[in-house]
Amino acid sequence: MRERILKLLDEANNKLQANPDKREKISRLDRTACIELDNTENIFFEIKGGSITVRDHVDSPDIIVKSTSQDFSDILDRKLDPMNAYFSKKIVIKAKLMDKLLIADILK
């Protein structure tokens, strides 16, 4: 799952770099994030200056996404609707509302 998420983040960053309007929209943001899977695996990244950079570790991330590997995979495979997963707490996003919308926009 880790490799799949790293690929997803890389693709999201490539989309940002290819879309000046979207890149400009987030260029002033400075956020750190963590995707936590199965309470055991963490993937950290930073959204800063209009790009996404994977990090080894982030202290006190602004955005925390928690899920099981299976549920996260099902969301990516479109077997599980992201909104249904969110409302049924199969995916938990700890962040300010604007940051939740940011993550949704970047990862689609």
Foldseek 3Di string as FASTA:
>chain_A
DVVVVVVLQVVLQVVQVVDVVNLVVQQCDWFKEWEAAPVPDIWIWIRYRSGIGTDPDDPPGQKYKYAHPVVVVCCVVVVDPPVVCDVVVNIDMPHPPVVVVVVVVSRD
